[in-house]
Protein backbone atom coordinates (compact mmCIF):
# COMPACT_ATOMS: atom_id res chain seq x y z
CA UNK A 1 90.24 -39.99 -23.19
CA UNK A 2 89.95 -42.12 -19.62
CA UNK A 3 86.49 -42.23 -18.13
CA UNK A 4 86.13 -41.01 -14.46
CA UNK A 5 83.76 -42.36 -11.92
CA UNK A 6 81.46 -39.24 -12.36
CA UNK A 7 79.04 -39.75 -14.91
CA UNK A 8 79.42 -37.68 -18.07
CA UNK A 9 83.25 -36.76 -17.38
CA UNK A 10 86.46 -37.75 -19.33
CA UNK A 11 89.97 -37.06 -18.65
CA UNK A 12 91.83 -35.79 -21.76
CA UNK A 13 95.35 -37.18 -22.37
CA UNK A 14 96.57 -33.72 -22.59
CA UNK A 15 95.10 -32.54 -19.52
CA UNK A 16 91.61 -31.14 -18.42
CA UNK A 17 88.53 -33.02 -19.00
CA UNK A 18 85.76 -33.42 -21.52
CA UNK A 19 82.00 -33.46 -20.51
CA UNK A 20 79.16 -34.97 -22.30
CA UNK A 21 75.31 -35.13 -21.60
CA UNK A 22 72.30 -36.24 -22.83
CA UNK A 23 68.48 -35.34 -22.82
CA UNK A 24 65.17 -35.30 -24.43
CA UNK A 25 64.49 -32.00 -26.54
CA UNK A 26 61.26 -31.04 -25.16
CA UNK A 27 60.51 -29.51 -28.48
CA UNK A 28 60.91 -32.46 -30.85
CA UNK A 29 61.29 -35.28 -28.42
CA UNK A 30 64.61 -36.21 -30.23
CA UNK A 31 67.81 -37.28 -27.85
CA UNK A 32 70.18 -34.55 -28.05
CA UNK A 33 73.73 -34.66 -26.82
CA UNK A 34 75.76 -31.88 -25.57
CA UNK A 35 79.57 -32.42 -25.27
CA UNK A 36 82.52 -29.90 -24.47
CA UNK A 37 86.17 -29.94 -24.01
CA UNK A 38 87.59 -28.19 -20.98
CA UNK A 39 91.11 -28.20 -21.18
CA UNK A 40 92.16 -26.01 -18.39
CA UNK A 41 89.24 -27.09 -15.86
CA UNK A 42 89.53 -28.91 -12.65
CA UNK A 43 87.53 -32.09 -11.93
CA UNK A 44 85.26 -29.76 -9.70
CA UNK A 45 84.60 -27.56 -12.78
CA UNK A 46 84.00 -30.48 -15.28
CA UNK A 47 81.19 -32.02 -12.66
CA UNK A 48 79.59 -28.33 -12.53
CA UNK A 49 79.46 -28.08 -16.14
CA UNK A 50 77.97 -31.56 -16.61
CA UNK A 51 75.32 -30.65 -14.00
CA UNK A 52 74.58 -27.13 -15.98
CA UNK A 53 74.21 -28.57 -19.22
CA UNK A 54 71.84 -31.24 -18.00
CA UNK A 55 69.88 -28.38 -16.02
CA UNK A 56 69.70 -26.24 -19.32
CA UNK A 57 68.58 -29.56 -21.35
CA UNK A 58 65.87 -29.89 -18.68
CA UNK A 59 64.55 -26.21 -18.44
CA UNK A 60 65.05 -25.19 -22.21
CA UNK A 61 61.34 -25.54 -23.12
CA UNK A 62 57.95 -26.23 -21.27
CA UNK A 63 56.73 -29.52 -20.19
CA UNK A 64 55.25 -31.25 -23.31
CA UNK A 65 51.90 -32.92 -23.04
CA UNK A 66 52.48 -36.46 -24.43
CA UNK A 67 48.84 -36.51 -26.15
CA UNK A 68 49.99 -33.68 -28.26
CA UNK A 69 51.53 -35.08 -31.66
CA UNK A 70 53.92 -33.60 -34.00
CA UNK A 71 53.13 -31.02 -36.84
CA UNK A 72 53.37 -33.85 -39.16
CA UNK A 73 51.01 -36.15 -37.51
CA UNK A 74 48.67 -33.24 -36.62
CA UNK A 75 48.51 -31.97 -40.30
CA UNK A 76 47.99 -35.37 -41.91
CA UNK A 77 44.79 -35.79 -39.49
CA UNK A 78 43.91 -32.27 -40.22
CA UNK A 79 44.01 -32.79 -43.97
CA UNK A 80 41.85 -35.95 -43.41
CA UNK A 81 38.79 -34.01 -41.94
CA UNK A 82 39.68 -30.47 -43.87
CA UNK A 83 39.99 -32.00 -47.49
CA UNK A 84 36.56 -33.74 -47.88
CA UNK A 85 34.78 -30.14 -47.02
CA UNK A 86 36.47 -28.41 -50.14
CA UNK A 87 34.72 -28.35 -53.20
CA UNK A 88 37.82 -27.74 -55.44
CA UNK A 89 40.22 -30.76 -56.21
CA UNK A 90 42.61 -28.13 -57.38
CA UNK A 91 42.77 -26.59 -53.92
CA UNK A 92 42.92 -30.02 -52.37
CA UNK A 93 46.08 -30.79 -54.49
CA UNK A 94 47.65 -27.25 -53.55
CA UNK A 95 47.04 -27.77 -49.74
CA UNK A 96 48.54 -31.37 -49.82
CA UNK A 97 51.63 -30.13 -52.01
CA UNK A 98 52.34 -27.04 -49.58
CA UNK A 99 52.61 -29.07 -46.65
CA UNK A 100 54.20 -32.39 -48.21
CA UNK A 101 56.79 -30.41 -49.72
CA UNK A 102 57.45 -27.06 -48.26
CA UNK A 103 56.09 -27.14 -44.57
CA UNK A 104 56.62 -30.44 -43.03
CA UNK A 105 60.23 -30.91 -44.28
CA UNK A 106 61.19 -28.07 -42.12
CA UNK A 107 58.67 -27.84 -38.97
CA UNK A 108 57.10 -31.19 -39.08
CA UNK A 109 59.46 -32.78 -36.35
CA UNK A 110 58.33 -30.36 -33.96
CA UNK A 111 55.27 -31.12 -31.30
CA UNK A 112 52.60 -28.60 -32.09
CA UNK A 113 52.88 -27.17 -28.48
CA UNK A 114 56.56 -26.41 -28.99
CA UNK A 115 56.26 -24.36 -32.04
CA UNK A 116 57.09 -20.71 -31.34
CA UNK A 117 56.20 -17.64 -33.37
CA UNK A 118 60.23 -17.12 -34.22
CA UNK A 119 60.13 -20.87 -35.82
CA UNK A 120 57.60 -19.56 -37.97
CA UNK A 121 59.18 -16.32 -38.91
CA UNK A 122 62.33 -18.36 -39.64
CA UNK A 123 60.38 -20.43 -41.79
CA UNK A 124 58.89 -17.62 -43.86
CA UNK A 125 62.34 -15.93 -44.44
CA UNK A 126 64.03 -19.07 -45.24
CA UNK A 127 65.77 -18.72 -48.82
CA UNK A 128 64.12 -21.15 -51.42
CA UNK A 129 65.12 -22.09 -54.69
CA UNK A 130 62.47 -23.02 -57.42
CA UNK A 131 64.02 -25.63 -59.73
CA UNK A 132 62.19 -23.89 -62.46
CA UNK A 133 62.19 -20.41 -61.90
CA UNK A 134 65.31 -20.12 -59.68
CA UNK A 135 63.37 -18.83 -56.73
CA UNK A 136 60.12 -18.79 -55.18
CA UNK A 137 58.13 -15.52 -55.20
CA UNK A 138 56.66 -14.09 -52.20
CA UNK A 139 53.04 -14.52 -53.57
CA UNK A 140 53.87 -18.30 -53.53
CA UNK A 141 55.57 -18.62 -50.09
CA UNK A 142 52.72 -16.63 -48.62
CA UNK A 143 50.37 -19.12 -50.07
CA UNK A 144 52.03 -21.72 -48.13
CA UNK A 145 51.99 -19.61 -45.11
CA UNK A 146 48.03 -19.49 -45.47
CA UNK A 147 47.71 -23.27 -45.17
CA UNK A 148 50.24 -23.53 -42.46
CA UNK A 149 48.43 -20.70 -40.35
CA UNK A 150 45.45 -22.92 -40.77
CA UNK A 151 47.00 -25.90 -39.40
CA UNK A 152 48.63 -24.00 -36.46
CA UNK A 153 45.30 -22.28 -35.51
CA UNK A 154 43.48 -25.58 -35.57
CA UNK A 155 46.14 -27.23 -33.36
CA UNK A 156 45.82 -24.14 -30.85
CA UNK A 157 42.13 -24.59 -30.58
CA UNK A 158 42.21 -28.31 -30.11
CA UNK A 159 45.04 -28.29 -27.54
CA UNK A 160 43.94 -24.93 -26.08
CA UNK A 161 47.40 -23.39 -26.53
CA UNK A 162 48.52 -19.78 -27.60
CA UNK A 163 48.23 -18.93 -31.21
CA UNK A 164 52.01 -18.66 -32.47
CA UNK A 165 50.78 -17.28 -35.73
CA UNK A 166 49.31 -14.10 -34.11
CA UNK A 167 52.06 -11.82 -34.25
CA UNK A 168 53.65 -13.45 -37.53
CA UNK A 169 53.33 -11.36 -40.61
CA UNK A 170 53.39 -12.82 -44.30
CA UNK A 171 56.49 -11.61 -46.33
CA UNK A 172 56.13 -8.15 -48.21
CA UNK A 173 54.82 -8.16 -51.78
CA UNK A 174 57.05 -6.40 -54.27
CA UNK A 175 55.55 -3.55 -56.06
CA UNK A 176 54.99 -4.10 -59.77
CA UNK A 177 56.76 -1.17 -61.74
CA UNK A 178 54.59 -2.29 -64.95
CA UNK A 179 51.37 -4.03 -65.18
CA UNK A 180 51.34 -7.51 -66.46
CA UNK A 181 49.32 -6.85 -69.26
CA UNK A 182 49.68 -5.44 -72.95
CA UNK A 183 48.28 -2.75 -75.18
CA UNK A 184 46.77 -4.00 -78.71
CA UNK A 185 49.71 -2.25 -80.16
CA UNK A 186 52.28 -4.17 -77.80
CA UNK A 187 50.07 -7.60 -78.31
CA UNK A 188 50.44 -7.40 -82.24
CA UNK A 189 54.07 -7.07 -81.71
CA UNK A 190 54.08 -9.79 -79.22
CA UNK A 191 52.28 -12.01 -81.39
CA UNK A 192 54.50 -11.19 -84.44
CA UNK A 193 57.65 -12.07 -82.50
CA UNK A 194 56.11 -15.44 -81.27
CA UNK A 195 55.18 -16.62 -84.89
CA UNK A 196 59.05 -15.97 -85.90
CA UNK A 197 60.67 -17.10 -82.79
CA UNK A 198 58.56 -19.87 -81.36
CA UNK A 199 55.89 -21.02 -83.90
CA UNK A 200 54.96 -23.86 -81.73
CA UNK A 201 53.42 -21.74 -78.93
CA UNK A 202 51.96 -19.37 -81.54
CA UNK A 203 48.38 -20.79 -81.37
CA UNK A 204 48.41 -21.40 -77.80
CA UNK A 205 49.58 -17.80 -77.48
CA UNK A 206 46.70 -16.36 -79.80
CA UNK A 207 43.87 -18.37 -77.77
CA UNK A 208 45.37 -17.36 -74.49
CA UNK A 209 45.52 -13.54 -75.19
CA UNK A 210 41.94 -13.58 -76.86
CA UNK A 211 40.02 -15.99 -74.87
CA UNK A 212 41.67 -15.18 -71.41
CA UNK A 213 41.82 -18.78 -70.61
CA UNK A 214 43.66 -20.08 -67.62
CA UNK A 215 46.80 -21.67 -68.54
CA UNK A 216 45.77 -24.82 -66.62
CA UNK A 217 42.79 -24.69 -69.28
CA UNK A 218 44.92 -24.71 -72.13
CA UNK A 219 47.23 -27.48 -71.46
CA UNK A 220 44.54 -30.47 -71.31
CA UNK A 221 42.63 -29.24 -74.46
CA UNK A 222 42.15 -32.30 -76.81
CA UNK A 223 41.05 -32.60 -80.17
CA UNK A 224 38.45 -35.38 -79.74
CA UNK A 225 36.86 -33.92 -76.71
CA UNK A 226 37.07 -30.25 -76.80
CA UNK A 227 37.41 -28.87 -80.28
CA UNK A 228 34.51 -28.95 -83.12
CA UNK A 229 35.76 -27.29 -85.98
CA UNK A 230 32.88 -27.91 -88.20
CA UNK A 231 30.58 -25.97 -85.41
CA UNK A 232 33.43 -23.56 -84.72
CA UNK A 233 33.00 -24.30 -80.61
CA UNK A 234 35.80 -24.91 -77.93
CA UNK A 235 34.74 -26.67 -74.83
CA UNK A 236 36.51 -25.87 -71.76
CA UNK A 237 35.93 -28.51 -69.24
CA UNK A 238 38.97 -29.64 -67.30
CA UNK A 239 42.07 -27.94 -65.61
CA UNK A 240 45.45 -29.60 -65.18
CA UNK A 241 48.34 -28.75 -62.73
CA UNK A 242 51.23 -31.13 -62.33
CA UNK A 243 49.79 -34.11 -61.39
CA UNK A 244 46.07 -33.19 -61.11
CA UNK A 245 43.58 -32.99 -63.75
CA UNK A 246 39.85 -32.55 -63.11
CA UNK A 247 37.20 -30.01 -63.49
CA UNK A 248 38.16 -26.18 -63.99
CA UNK A 249 38.66 -23.90 -61.19
CA UNK A 250 34.85 -22.90 -61.00
CA UNK A 251 33.52 -26.49 -61.74
CA UNK A 252 31.90 -25.01 -64.81
CA UNK A 253 32.17 -26.45 -68.45
CA UNK A 254 32.37 -23.33 -70.85
CA UNK A 255 31.39 -23.61 -74.51
CA UNK A 256 32.80 -20.73 -76.64
CA UNK A 257 31.59 -19.94 -79.94
CA UNK A 258 34.92 -19.16 -81.73
CA UNK A 259 34.90 -16.32 -84.60
CA UNK A 260 36.34 -17.41 -87.88
CA UNK A 261 39.74 -16.03 -87.56
CA UNK A 262 40.41 -18.60 -84.35
CA UNK A 263 38.61 -21.42 -86.14
CA UNK A 264 41.07 -21.01 -89.27
CA UNK A 265 44.03 -20.79 -86.76
CA UNK A 266 42.92 -24.13 -85.25
CA UNK A 267 42.52 -25.90 -88.50
CA UNK A 268 46.09 -24.47 -89.45
CA UNK A 269 47.31 -25.73 -86.26
CA UNK A 270 45.85 -29.30 -86.55
CA UNK A 271 47.32 -29.86 -90.24
CA UNK A 272 50.42 -28.50 -89.09
CA UNK A 273 50.39 -31.39 -86.36
CA UNK A 274 49.43 -33.86 -89.10
CA UNK A 275 52.42 -32.65 -91.32
CA UNK A 276 55.05 -32.83 -88.67
CA UNK A 277 55.57 -34.28 -85.27
CA UNK A 278 57.04 -31.25 -84.13
CA UNK A 279 60.42 -29.38 -84.76
CA UNK A 280 62.92 -30.56 -82.15
CA UNK A 281 60.50 -33.09 -80.67
CA UNK A 282 62.14 -36.59 -79.28
CA UNK A 283 62.11 -39.32 -81.95
CA UNK A 284 62.25 -42.08 -79.46
CA UNK A 285 60.90 -41.02 -75.91
CA UNK A 286 61.06 -43.88 -73.48
CA UNK A 287 58.40 -42.42 -71.41
CA UNK A 288 55.03 -40.59 -72.67
CA UNK A 289 51.79 -40.74 -73.65
CA UNK A 290 50.65 -44.18 -75.40
CA UNK A 291 51.17 -44.27 -79.10
CA UNK A 292 54.35 -42.05 -78.45
CA UNK A 293 56.56 -43.76 -76.08
CA UNK A 294 58.68 -46.60 -76.93
CA UNK A 295 59.94 -49.78 -75.15
CA UNK A 296 63.38 -51.12 -75.21
CA UNK A 297 62.69 -53.95 -77.20
CA UNK A 298 61.29 -52.10 -80.09
CA UNK A 299 63.85 -49.55 -79.66
CA UNK A 300 66.62 -52.35 -79.91
CA UNK A 301 64.97 -53.53 -83.08
CA UNK A 302 65.00 -49.90 -84.73
CA UNK A 303 68.69 -49.65 -83.47
CA UNK A 304 69.75 -52.69 -85.44
CA UNK A 305 68.10 -51.41 -88.67
CA UNK A 306 69.49 -47.64 -88.49
CA UNK A 307 73.00 -49.08 -87.40
CA UNK A 308 73.50 -47.08 -84.17
CA UNK A 309 73.26 -48.10 -80.34
CA UNK A 310 69.88 -47.82 -78.64
CA UNK A 311 71.33 -45.75 -76.04
CA UNK A 312 72.29 -43.12 -78.73
CA UNK A 313 68.78 -43.05 -80.23
CA UNK A 314 67.19 -41.56 -77.23
CA UNK A 315 68.48 -38.23 -77.66
CA UNK A 316 67.50 -37.80 -81.38
CA UNK A 317 65.09 -35.10 -82.30
CA UNK A 318 63.15 -34.70 -85.48
CA UNK A 319 64.37 -32.13 -87.93
CA UNK A 320 67.66 -31.24 -85.69
CA UNK A 321 69.22 -34.98 -85.82
CA UNK A 322 66.96 -36.63 -88.02
CA UNK A 323 66.30 -35.35 -92.00
CA UNK A 324 63.97 -37.90 -93.55
CA UNK A 325 64.19 -35.96 -96.92
CA UNK A 326 68.04 -36.58 -97.30
CA UNK A 327 68.01 -39.89 -95.07
CA UNK A 328 70.64 -38.61 -92.83
CA UNK A 329 70.91 -39.07 -88.96
CA UNK A 330 73.59 -36.93 -86.96
CA UNK A 331 75.08 -38.85 -84.30
CA UNK A 332 75.67 -37.14 -80.70
CA UNK A 333 79.12 -36.53 -81.42
CA UNK A 334 78.35 -34.58 -84.76
CA UNK A 335 79.16 -37.52 -87.06
CA UNK A 336 76.57 -37.73 -90.01
CA UNK A 337 75.33 -41.33 -90.62
CA UNK A 338 73.94 -42.06 -94.26
CA UNK A 339 71.03 -44.62 -93.23
CA UNK A 340 69.33 -47.21 -95.51
CA UNK A 341 66.11 -46.89 -97.37
CA UNK A 342 64.73 -49.37 -95.09
CA UNK A 343 65.58 -47.29 -91.98
CA UNK A 344 64.03 -44.20 -93.87
CA UNK A 345 61.08 -45.83 -94.41
CA UNK A 346 60.84 -47.03 -90.71
CA UNK A 347 61.41 -43.54 -89.18
CA UNK A 348 58.88 -42.29 -91.78
CA UNK A 349 56.35 -44.87 -90.28
CA UNK A 350 57.33 -43.74 -86.82
CA UNK A 351 56.42 -40.06 -87.47
CA UNK A 352 53.42 -40.82 -88.94
CA UNK A 353 52.20 -42.80 -86.02
CA UNK A 354 53.27 -39.94 -83.75
CA UNK A 355 51.41 -37.51 -86.12
CA UNK A 356 48.41 -39.50 -86.14
CA UNK A 357 48.22 -39.83 -82.31
CA UNK A 358 48.88 -36.20 -81.77
CA UNK A 359 46.50 -34.93 -84.45
CA UNK A 360 43.55 -37.64 -83.98
CA UNK A 361 42.67 -37.25 -80.47
CA UNK A 362 45.57 -36.29 -78.70
CA UNK A 363 46.47 -32.96 -77.02
CA UNK A 364 46.52 -29.75 -78.87
CA UNK A 365 49.67 -28.68 -77.40
CA UNK A 366 51.58 -31.81 -76.23
CA UNK A 367 55.00 -32.00 -74.76
CA UNK A 368 57.98 -33.31 -76.86
CA UNK A 369 56.52 -36.98 -75.30
CA UNK A 370 53.13 -36.50 -75.81
CA UNK A 371 52.16 -35.52 -72.30
CA UNK A 372 50.89 -32.19 -70.92
CA UNK A 373 53.24 -29.33 -71.07
CA UNK A 374 54.90 -27.89 -68.25
CA UNK A 375 53.51 -24.98 -66.36
CA UNK A 376 56.72 -23.10 -66.51
CA UNK A 377 57.40 -24.00 -70.56
CA UNK A 378 56.19 -20.35 -71.72
CA UNK A 379 58.43 -18.37 -69.01
CA UNK A 380 61.57 -18.30 -70.86
CA UNK A 381 59.76 -18.04 -74.66
CA UNK A 382 57.75 -15.18 -73.17
CA UNK A 383 60.87 -13.19 -71.84
CA UNK A 384 62.48 -13.59 -75.13
CA UNK A 385 59.83 -12.89 -77.27
CA UNK A 386 58.98 -9.61 -75.14
CA UNK A 387 62.91 -8.50 -75.66
CA UNK A 388 62.45 -9.18 -79.37
CA UNK A 389 59.14 -7.12 -79.59
CA UNK A 390 60.86 -4.47 -77.57
CA UNK A 391 58.26 -4.48 -74.83
CA UNK A 392 60.04 -3.33 -71.70
CA UNK A 393 57.46 -4.86 -69.13
CA UNK A 394 57.61 -8.07 -67.15
CA UNK A 395 55.38 -10.12 -69.17
CA UNK A 396 54.45 -13.78 -67.99
CA UNK A 397 51.81 -16.47 -68.95
CA UNK A 398 49.57 -15.03 -66.55
CA UNK A 399 49.35 -11.64 -68.94
CA UNK A 400 47.21 -13.63 -71.38
CA UNK A 401 44.15 -13.72 -68.77
CA UNK A 402 44.83 -9.95 -67.97
CA UNK A 403 45.31 -8.53 -71.33
CA UNK A 404 42.13 -10.62 -72.52
CA UNK A 405 40.08 -8.61 -70.02
CA UNK A 406 41.38 -5.24 -70.96
CA UNK A 407 40.88 -5.97 -74.80
CA UNK A 408 37.35 -6.79 -74.25
CA UNK A 409 36.75 -3.98 -72.47
CA UNK A 410 38.29 -1.49 -74.88
CA UNK A 411 36.44 -3.51 -77.68
CA UNK A 412 33.26 -2.52 -75.76
CA UNK A 413 32.43 -6.31 -74.95
CA UNK A 414 29.54 -6.61 -72.39
CA UNK A 415 31.05 -7.84 -68.99
CA UNK A 416 28.48 -10.67 -68.85
CA UNK A 417 29.92 -11.97 -72.15
CA UNK A 418 33.51 -11.40 -70.88
CA UNK A 419 33.21 -13.32 -67.85
CA UNK A 420 31.16 -16.35 -69.74
CA UNK A 421 34.53 -16.48 -72.18
CA UNK A 422 37.00 -16.32 -69.54
CA UNK A 423 35.13 -18.34 -66.80
CA UNK A 424 35.56 -15.64 -63.85
CA UNK A 425 33.01 -16.41 -61.33
CA UNK A 426 32.12 -12.76 -60.40
CA UNK A 427 32.76 -9.04 -61.28
CA UNK A 428 35.26 -8.84 -58.43
CA UNK A 429 37.65 -11.42 -60.08
CA UNK A 430 37.23 -9.85 -63.41
CA UNK A 431 38.14 -6.46 -61.81
CA UNK A 432 41.10 -8.27 -60.29
CA UNK A 433 42.43 -9.01 -63.51
CA UNK A 434 41.73 -5.85 -65.29
CA UNK A 435 44.31 -3.01 -65.85
CA UNK A 436 42.84 0.50 -66.43
CA UNK A 437 45.49 2.49 -68.09
CA UNK A 438 45.84 6.51 -67.98
CA UNK A 439 44.88 6.97 -71.68
CA UNK A 440 41.59 4.91 -70.79
CA UNK A 441 40.89 7.10 -67.74
CA UNK A 442 41.62 10.39 -69.85
CA UNK A 443 39.03 9.36 -72.62
CA UNK A 444 36.67 8.64 -69.99
CA UNK A 445 36.81 11.79 -67.98
CA UNK A 446 37.09 13.87 -70.99
CA UNK A 447 33.50 12.43 -71.85
CA UNK A 448 32.41 13.31 -68.25
CA UNK A 449 33.88 16.93 -68.65
CA UNK A 450 32.12 17.36 -72.26
CA UNK A 451 28.61 16.21 -70.78
CA UNK A 452 29.22 19.19 -68.11
CA UNK A 453 29.92 21.46 -70.93
CA UNK A 454 33.33 22.64 -69.91
């Protein structure tokens, strides 16, 4: 191209002109370049097109107040002043996560006075993939929207702006065809299927369905702090969610006096942990809790005794690749390696050490590397268990808390006792997690009719 004497106009070798102009985007403050080829245009047409493009850039948005920050800058300052007023550490973590991971990557570059309602609507309906479940539910996205709405309304108040969230509606929520709760008959079938298909999760599942504990309260339970088998009590003092661990949602410590059946179940679970590091658990995790994770130098020493390269030891799992009874280790390529008695003794000590950590003071339900289990670790098992138990409802881990509420009501447990066990702060939350079925309504109304004498 050959540059002409007119700014932004170049002559094309094949004839016609190429025009280009740059301007500051009034909505983001970024330099935008607009360019266009005009193969059949005259020089006059090209000059007029440059002027037109420049005028569009200048009038494409309202004049921005330079004192008004980007959404990222304002959200950071808003968090600094808003979070100290919040009492729940878990809520603080959720607000920060919503902004950092889901809002600011899309809208953070916009100046707060340049965000329009259509920008917010586009953000709401944007397709999103959940790396764990495939997609985010409307409930989750609406939770992020509530945080974004609070930030935008705070910016509108501070800078005397029109509220861009006023006309934006949250995503519609799907109607459940089946309640996320089970009857006593369904629960018995579900627990039997859990015992046979996923015995690792049996104790956790029983506690969840009978005590109505939040999944985040089950994950951080520890043998040394929270379980007293002699007294038959379980203390719920903390909640865990991803990187956050702190007090329970209501900031109350609950001490639950367990029935004999649950005490025996916990005793059996502890003995199983002492006797086995867990079917399929990683033998040499490089990361994890102290007492379970192993360093590279130690791994190299073990590899020299076993006779395998260190990198091939990392994927070995107890009972799947390592059989201590026969002294056999299966390589990743399927080859079976008969190890020496010295190697068997070393592996046995390794397993005893992992068992000792897990059973003595570690977690009741550790992951393969001795850390907290993932919040989504029960999603796939629950789907398979429900299918095996021939339960056609959609059963998720939240069904544990909902089912426990219904079982307590059917068993005639006083509402005050139910809330003391489950940790609901008031009767309104208890009602939210309860499901009244048709048969229960029919029995209740039958009793009313009988009182009338009909």
